[in-house]
Amino acid sequence: MKKNKKNQWHLIDTKLPPSDWYDTDTKMLHGMMELCVDFVEKESTGEYMLFSLSNNKNRNKNIKKEWKRIDDVKDQHLKKMEKSFFESQIKADNEIMKIYKWWKDYPRRRKEIDRAITDWYTFCMKFKKKDSLFPFPNTKVMNKKEIRDEEALRRITHILEARLAKEETEYLIRLVKVRKYMWT
């Protein structure tokens, strides 16, 4: 049966390859970050977001126009409220763009970890126990330098993974904090 794509605005496209299994934390990260990407690239909060993707000169011109429009408002109370809202929106837009740029760089970071894991795995396979299903090396056949090299490769992998996991959490929290500004 063919799925109708027409009325599926309630679904989130994680952009994860459909052939693999993913844990909930991975689906959550990719789903939320892809919502941010869709917002910046397809919806945007207005000209400010689009100009911050291109060049600063046009963005600054646009902001000055907005400030002039706000200064033209006669009612001082309304002027103050609108100016405050505009400042909050710009601050949120800047944060959204930082999150967007971080996510666009995410594949490079992920590949860096995958390379470190591959390096460790390749090294370990040289010393793998014959009857073992796991790639852990047989340290009985390794000299001290080889043991230190394996430990260093493993440590690098763990450091990279821990650092990225910490960033993932930080950026998810940052995205949740600006969600109320992601409207069109």
C-alpha atoms as a PDB file:
ATOM      1  CA  MET A   1       0.000   0.000   0.000  1.00  0.00           C
ATOM      2  CA  LYS A   2       1.357   3.412  -1.014  1.00  0.00           C
ATOM      3  CA  LYS A   3       1.604   6.006   1.751  1.00  0.00           C
ATOM      4  CA  ASN A   4       0.035   9.391   1.188  1.00  0.00           C
ATOM      5  CA  LYS A   5       2.686  12.039   1.923  1.00  0.00           C
ATOM      6  CA  LYS A   6       0.145  14.845   1.647  1.00  0.00           C
ATOM      7  CA  ASN A   7      -1.075  15.115   5.253  1.00  0.00           C
ATOM      8  CA  GLN A   8       1.940  13.964   7.227  1.00  0.00           C
ATOM      9  CA  TRP A   9       2.940  17.263   8.846  1.00  0.00           C
ATOM     10  CA  HIS A  10       2.725  15.580  12.245  1.00  0.00           C
ATOM     11  CA  LEU A  11       5.604  13.186  11.433  1.00  0.00           C
ATOM     12  CA  ILE A  12       9.269  13.948  12.083  1.00  0.00           C
ATOM     13  CA  ASP A  13      11.826  12.865   9.478  1.00  0.00           C
ATOM     14  CA  THR A  14      15.013  11.922  11.333  1.00  0.00           C
ATOM     15  CA  LYS A  15      16.955  11.516   8.066  1.00  0.00           C
ATOM     16  CA  LEU A  16      18.371   8.274   9.510  1.00  0.00           C
ATOM     17  CA  PRO A  17      18.848   5.459   6.970  1.00  0.00           C
ATOM     18  CA  PRO A  18      15.724   3.252   7.191  1.00  0.00           C
ATOM     19  CA  SER A  19      17.585  -0.065   7.037  1.00  0.00           C
ATOM     20  CA  ASP A  20      19.137   0.086  10.524  1.00  0.00           C
ATOM     21  CA  TRP A  21      17.857  -0.176  14.099  1.00  0.00           C
ATOM     22  CA  TYR A  22      18.196   2.964  16.229  1.00  0.00           C
ATOM     23  CA  ASP A  23      17.861   3.410  19.956  1.00  0.00           C
ATOM     24  CA  THR A  24      15.429   6.014  21.228  1.00  0.00           C
ATOM     25  CA  ASP A  25      18.184   8.469  22.199  1.00  0.00           C
ATOM     26  CA  THR A  26      19.510   8.466  18.619  1.00  0.00           C
ATOM     27  CA  LYS A  27      16.042   8.915  17.103  1.00  0.00           C
ATOM     28  CA  MET A  28      15.354  11.739  19.581  1.00  0.00           C
ATOM     29  CA  LEU A  29      18.607  13.561  18.771  1.00  0.00           C
ATOM     30  CA  HIS A  30      18.198  13.254  15.007  1.00  0.00           C
ATOM     31  CA  GLY A  31      14.481  14.056  15.063  1.00  0.00           C
ATOM     32  CA  MET A  32      14.855  17.220  17.129  1.00  0.00           C
ATOM     33  CA  MET A  33      17.884  18.458  15.216  1.00  0.00           C
ATOM     34  CA  GLU A  34      16.198  17.812  11.868  1.00  0.00           C
ATOM     35  CA  LEU A  35      13.250  19.890  13.104  1.00  0.00           C
ATOM     36  CA  CYS A  36      15.753  22.707  13.687  1.00  0.00           C
ATOM     37  CA  VAL A  37      17.198  22.230  10.180  1.00  0.00           C
ATOM     38  CA  ASP A  38      13.719  22.259   8.613  1.00  0.00           C
ATOM     39  CA  PHE A  39      12.856  25.379  10.574  1.00  0.00           C
ATOM     40  CA  VAL A  40      15.968  27.270   9.447  1.00  0.00           C
ATOM     41  CA  GLU A  41      15.937  26.071   5.845  1.00  0.00           C
ATOM     42  CA  LYS A  42      12.192  25.901   5.135  1.00  0.00           C
ATOM     43  CA  GLU A  43      10.237  27.965   7.659  1.00  0.00           C
ATOM     44  CA  SER A  44      12.587  30.509   9.233  1.00  0.00           C
ATOM     45  CA  THR A  45      11.499  33.228  11.636  1.00  0.00           C
ATOM     46  CA  GLY A  46      11.724  35.817   8.897  1.00  0.00           C
ATOM     47  CA  GLU A  47      14.346  37.684   6.968  1.00  0.00           C
ATOM     48  CA  TYR A  48      16.756  37.801   9.908  1.00  0.00           C
ATOM     49  CA  MET A  49      17.293  34.011   9.846  1.00  0.00           C
ATOM     50  CA  LEU A  50      17.766  33.972   6.090  1.00  0.00           C
ATOM     51  CA  PHE A  51      20.262  36.816   6.144  1.00  0.00           C
ATOM     52  CA  SER A  52      22.286  35.247   8.923  1.00  0.00           C
ATOM     53  CA  LEU A  53      22.727  32.254   6.607  1.00  0.00           C
ATOM     54  CA  SER A  54      24.083  34.492   3.847  1.00  0.00           C
ATOM     55  CA  ASN A  55      25.982  37.669   4.665  1.00  0.00           C
ATOM     56  CA  ASN A  56      26.151  39.998   7.619  1.00  0.00           C
ATOM     57  CA  LYS A  57      25.930  43.224   5.570  1.00  0.00           C
ATOM     58  CA  ASN A  58      22.388  42.474   4.359  1.00  0.00           C
ATOM     59  CA  ARG A  59      21.376  41.183   7.773  1.00  0.00           C
ATOM     60  CA  ASN A  60      22.519  44.382   9.487  1.00  0.00           C
ATOM     61  CA  LYS A  61      20.658  46.510   6.914  1.00  0.00           C
ATOM     62  CA  ASN A  62      17.512  44.520   7.581  1.00  0.00           C
ATOM     63  CA  ILE A  63      17.837  44.859  11.349  1.00  0.00           C
ATOM     64  CA  LYS A  64      18.228  48.648  10.992  1.00  0.00           C
ATOM     65  CA  LYS A  65      15.000  48.734   8.957  1.00  0.00           C
ATOM     66  CA  GLU A  66      13.237  46.802  11.721  1.00  0.00           C
ATOM     67  CA  TRP A  67      14.565  49.189  14.392  1.00  0.00           C
ATOM     68  CA  LYS A  68      13.345  52.157  12.324  1.00  0.00           C
ATOM     69  CA  ARG A  69       9.925  50.514  12.032  1.00  0.00           C
ATOM     70  CA  ILE A  70       9.847  50.021  15.808  1.00  0.00           C
ATOM     71  CA  ASP A  71      10.933  53.639  16.410  1.00  0.00           C
ATOM     72  CA  ASP A  72       8.025  54.822  14.250  1.00  0.00           C
ATOM     73  CA  VAL A  73       5.483  53.267  16.605  1.00  0.00           C
ATOM     74  CA  LYS A  74       3.636  56.110  18.393  1.00  0.00           C
ATOM     75  CA  ASP A  75       2.517  54.361  21.561  1.00  0.00           C
ATOM     76  CA  GLN A  76       5.491  54.224  23.967  1.00  0.00           C
ATOM     77  CA  HIS A  77       4.220  51.174  25.827  1.00  0.00           C
ATOM     78  CA  LEU A  78       3.687  49.242  22.610  1.00  0.00           C
ATOM     79  CA  LYS A  79       7.059  50.432  21.361  1.00  0.00           C
ATOM     80  CA  LYS A  80       8.775  49.119  24.483  1.00  0.00           C
ATOM     81  CA  MET A  81       6.997  45.749  24.277  1.00  0.00           C
ATOM     82  CA  GLU A  82       7.718  45.342  20.565  1.00  0.00           C
ATOM     83  CA  LYS A  83      11.373  46.301  20.969  1.00  0.00           C
ATOM     84  CA  SER A  84      11.763  43.806  23.814  1.00  0.00           C
ATOM     85  CA  PHE A  85      10.114  41.085  21.726  1.00  0.00           C
ATOM     86  CA  PHE A  86      12.323  41.861  18.746  1.00  0.00           C
ATOM     87  CA  GLU A  87      15.468  41.726  20.888  1.00  0.00           C
ATOM     88  CA  SER A  88      14.378  38.378  22.348  1.00  0.00           C
ATOM     89  CA  GLN A  89      13.638  37.025  18.885  1.00  0.00           C
ATOM     90  CA  ILE A  90      17.070  38.084  17.575  1.00  0.00           C
ATOM     91  CA  LYS A  91      18.771  36.464  20.564  1.00  0.00           C
ATOM     92  CA  ALA A  92      16.794  33.242  19.991  1.00  0.00           C
ATOM     93  CA  ASP A  93      17.498  33.352  16.243  1.00  0.00           C
ATOM     94  CA  ASN A  94      21.228  33.600  16.969  1.00  0.00           C
ATOM     95  CA  GLU A  95      20.980  30.600  19.282  1.00  0.00           C
ATOM     96  CA  ILE A  96      18.993  28.638  16.687  1.00  0.00           C
ATOM     97  CA  MET A  97      21.685  29.384  14.095  1.00  0.00           C
ATOM     98  CA  LYS A  98      24.438  28.164  16.452  1.00  0.00           C
ATOM     99  CA  ILE A  99      22.528  24.932  16.996  1.00  0.00           C
ATOM    100  CA  TYR A 100      21.906  24.597  13.248  1.00  0.00           C
ATOM    101  CA  LYS A 101      25.601  25.070  12.409  1.00  0.00           C
ATOM    102  CA  TRP A 102      26.649  22.602  15.108  1.00  0.00           C
ATOM    103  CA  TRP A 103      24.267  19.985  13.686  1.00  0.00           C
ATOM    104  CA  LYS A 104      25.476  20.581  10.126  1.00  0.00           C
ATOM    105  CA  ASP A 105      29.022  19.811  11.378  1.00  0.00           C
ATOM    106  CA  TYR A 106      27.823  16.718  13.271  1.00  0.00           C
ATOM    107  CA  PRO A 107      28.500  14.177  10.466  1.00  0.00           C
ATOM    108  CA  ARG A 108      32.176  15.193  10.401  1.00  0.00           C
ATOM    109  CA  ARG A 109      32.418  14.679  14.161  1.00  0.00           C
ATOM    110  CA  ARG A 110      30.658  11.312  13.911  1.00  0.00           C
ATOM    111  CA  LYS A 111      33.107  10.207  11.169  1.00  0.00           C
ATOM    112  CA  GLU A 112      36.022  11.212  13.400  1.00  0.00           C
ATOM    113  CA  ILE A 113      34.738   8.821  16.079  1.00  0.00           C
ATOM    114  CA  ASP A 114      34.064   6.087  13.518  1.00  0.00           C
ATOM    115  CA  ARG A 115      37.672   6.400  12.279  1.00  0.00           C
ATOM    116  CA  ALA A 116      38.976   6.114  15.843  1.00  0.00           C
ATOM    117  CA  ILE A 117      36.852   2.996  16.428  1.00  0.00           C
ATOM    118  CA  THR A 118      38.060   1.506  13.132  1.00  0.00           C
ATOM    119  CA  ASP A 119      41.687   2.208  14.063  1.00  0.00           C
ATOM    120  CA  TRP A 120      41.227   0.526  17.444  1.00  0.00           C
ATOM    121  CA  TYR A 121      39.327  -2.428  15.928  1.00  0.00           C
ATOM    122  CA  THR A 122      41.930  -2.946  13.179  1.00  0.00           C
ATOM    123  CA  PHE A 123      44.720  -2.884  15.738  1.00  0.00           C
ATOM    124  CA  CYS A 124      42.910  -5.326  18.027  1.00  0.00           C
ATOM    125  CA  MET A 125      42.153  -7.778  15.230  1.00  0.00           C
ATOM    126  CA  LYS A 126      45.890  -8.414  14.882  1.00  0.00           C
ATOM    127  CA  PHE A 127      45.899  -9.861  18.394  1.00  0.00           C
ATOM    128  CA  LYS A 128      42.362 -11.268  18.620  1.00  0.00           C
ATOM    129  CA  LYS A 129      41.864 -14.526  20.473  1.00  0.00           C
ATOM    130  CA  LYS A 130      41.064 -17.214  17.912  1.00  0.00           C
ATOM    131  CA  ASP A 131      37.878 -18.487  19.536  1.00  0.00           C
ATOM    132  CA  SER A 132      36.579 -15.073  20.681  1.00  0.00           C
ATOM    133  CA  LEU A 133      33.600 -13.379  19.081  1.00  0.00           C
ATOM    134  CA  PHE A 134      34.766  -9.997  20.361  1.00  0.00           C
ATOM    135  CA  PRO A 135      37.699  -7.967  19.007  1.00  0.00           C
ATOM    136  CA  PHE A 136      39.402  -7.632  22.380  1.00  0.00           C
ATOM    137  CA  PRO A 137      43.074  -8.432  21.990  1.00  0.00           C
ATOM    138  CA  ASN A 138      44.869 -11.360  23.553  1.00  0.00           C
ATOM    139  CA  THR A 139      47.285  -9.421  25.767  1.00  0.00           C
ATOM    140  CA  LYS A 140      49.323 -12.564  26.414  1.00  0.00           C
ATOM    141  CA  VAL A 141      50.786 -12.343  22.897  1.00  0.00           C
ATOM    142  CA  MET A 142      51.333  -8.566  22.977  1.00  0.00           C
ATOM    143  CA  ASN A 143      54.443  -6.748  24.105  1.00  0.00           C
ATOM    144  CA  LYS A 144      54.279  -3.718  26.437  1.00  0.00           C
ATOM    145  CA  LYS A 145      54.352  -1.178  23.615  1.00  0.00           C
ATOM    146  CA  GLU A 146      51.467  -2.910  21.809  1.00  0.00           C
ATOM    147  CA  ILE A 147      49.441  -2.989  25.040  1.00  0.00           C
ATOM    148  CA  ARG A 148      50.080   0.757  25.548  1.00  0.00           C
ATOM    149  CA  ASP A 149      49.128   1.466  21.908  1.00  0.00           C
ATOM    150  CA  GLU A 150      45.863  -0.459  22.273  1.00  0.00           C
ATOM    151  CA  GLU A 151      45.051   1.386  25.512  1.00  0.00           C
ATOM    152  CA  ALA A 152      45.788   4.746  23.849  1.00  0.00           C
ATOM    153  CA  LEU A 153      43.553   3.951  20.871  1.00  0.00           C
ATOM    154  CA  ARG A 154      40.760   2.821  23.195  1.00  0.00           C
ATOM    155  CA  ARG A 155      41.165   5.927  25.372  1.00  0.00           C
ATOM    156  CA  ILE A 156      41.004   8.251  22.341  1.00  0.00           C
ATOM    157  CA  THR A 157      37.792   6.562  21.204  1.00  0.00           C
ATOM    158  CA  HIS A 158      36.198   6.902  24.648  1.00  0.00           C
ATOM    159  CA  ILE A 159      37.232  10.561  24.967  1.00  0.00           C
ATOM    160  CA  LEU A 160      35.799  11.449  21.553  1.00  0.00           C
ATOM    161  CA  GLU A 161      32.551   9.574  22.262  1.00  0.00           C
ATOM    162  CA  ALA A 162      32.145  11.152  25.716  1.00  0.00           C
ATOM    163  CA  ARG A 163      32.850  14.644  24.377  1.00  0.00           C
ATOM    164  CA  LEU A 164      30.295  14.287  21.585  1.00  0.00           C
ATOM    165  CA  ALA A 165      27.681  12.776  23.922  1.00  0.00           C
ATOM    166  CA  LYS A 166      28.097  15.758  26.250  1.00  0.00           C
ATOM    167  CA  GLU A 167      27.680  18.169  23.325  1.00  0.00           C
ATOM    168  CA  GLU A 168      24.601  16.296  22.084  1.00  0.00           C
ATOM    169  CA  THR A 169      22.942  16.750  25.462  1.00  0.00           C
ATOM    170  CA  GLU A 170      23.971  20.400  25.668  1.00  0.00           C
ATOM    171  CA  TYR A 171      22.624  21.222  22.209  1.00  0.00           C
ATOM    172  CA  LEU A 172      19.367  19.339  22.775  1.00  0.00           C
ATOM    173  CA  ILE A 173      18.819  21.383  25.941  1.00  0.00           C
ATOM    174  CA  ARG A 174      19.655  24.599  24.088  1.00  0.00           C
ATOM    175  CA  LEU A 175      17.171  23.692  21.348  1.00  0.00           C
ATOM    176  CA  VAL A 176      14.412  23.007  23.865  1.00  0.00           C
ATOM    177  CA  LYS A 177      15.054  26.397  25.488  1.00  0.00           C
ATOM    178  CA  VAL A 178      14.444  28.279  22.198  1.00  0.00           C
ATOM    179  CA  ARG A 179      11.540  26.153  20.944  1.00  0.00           C
ATOM    180  CA  LYS A 180       8.947  28.844  21.679  1.00  0.00           C
ATOM    181  CA  TYR A 181      10.720  31.134  19.163  1.00  0.00           C
ATOM    182  CA  MET A 182      10.471  28.554  16.385  1.00  0.00           C
ATOM    183  CA  TRP A 183       7.215  29.653  14.834  1.00  0.00           C
ATOM    184  CA  THR A 184       6.214  31.076  11.473  1.00  0.00           C
END
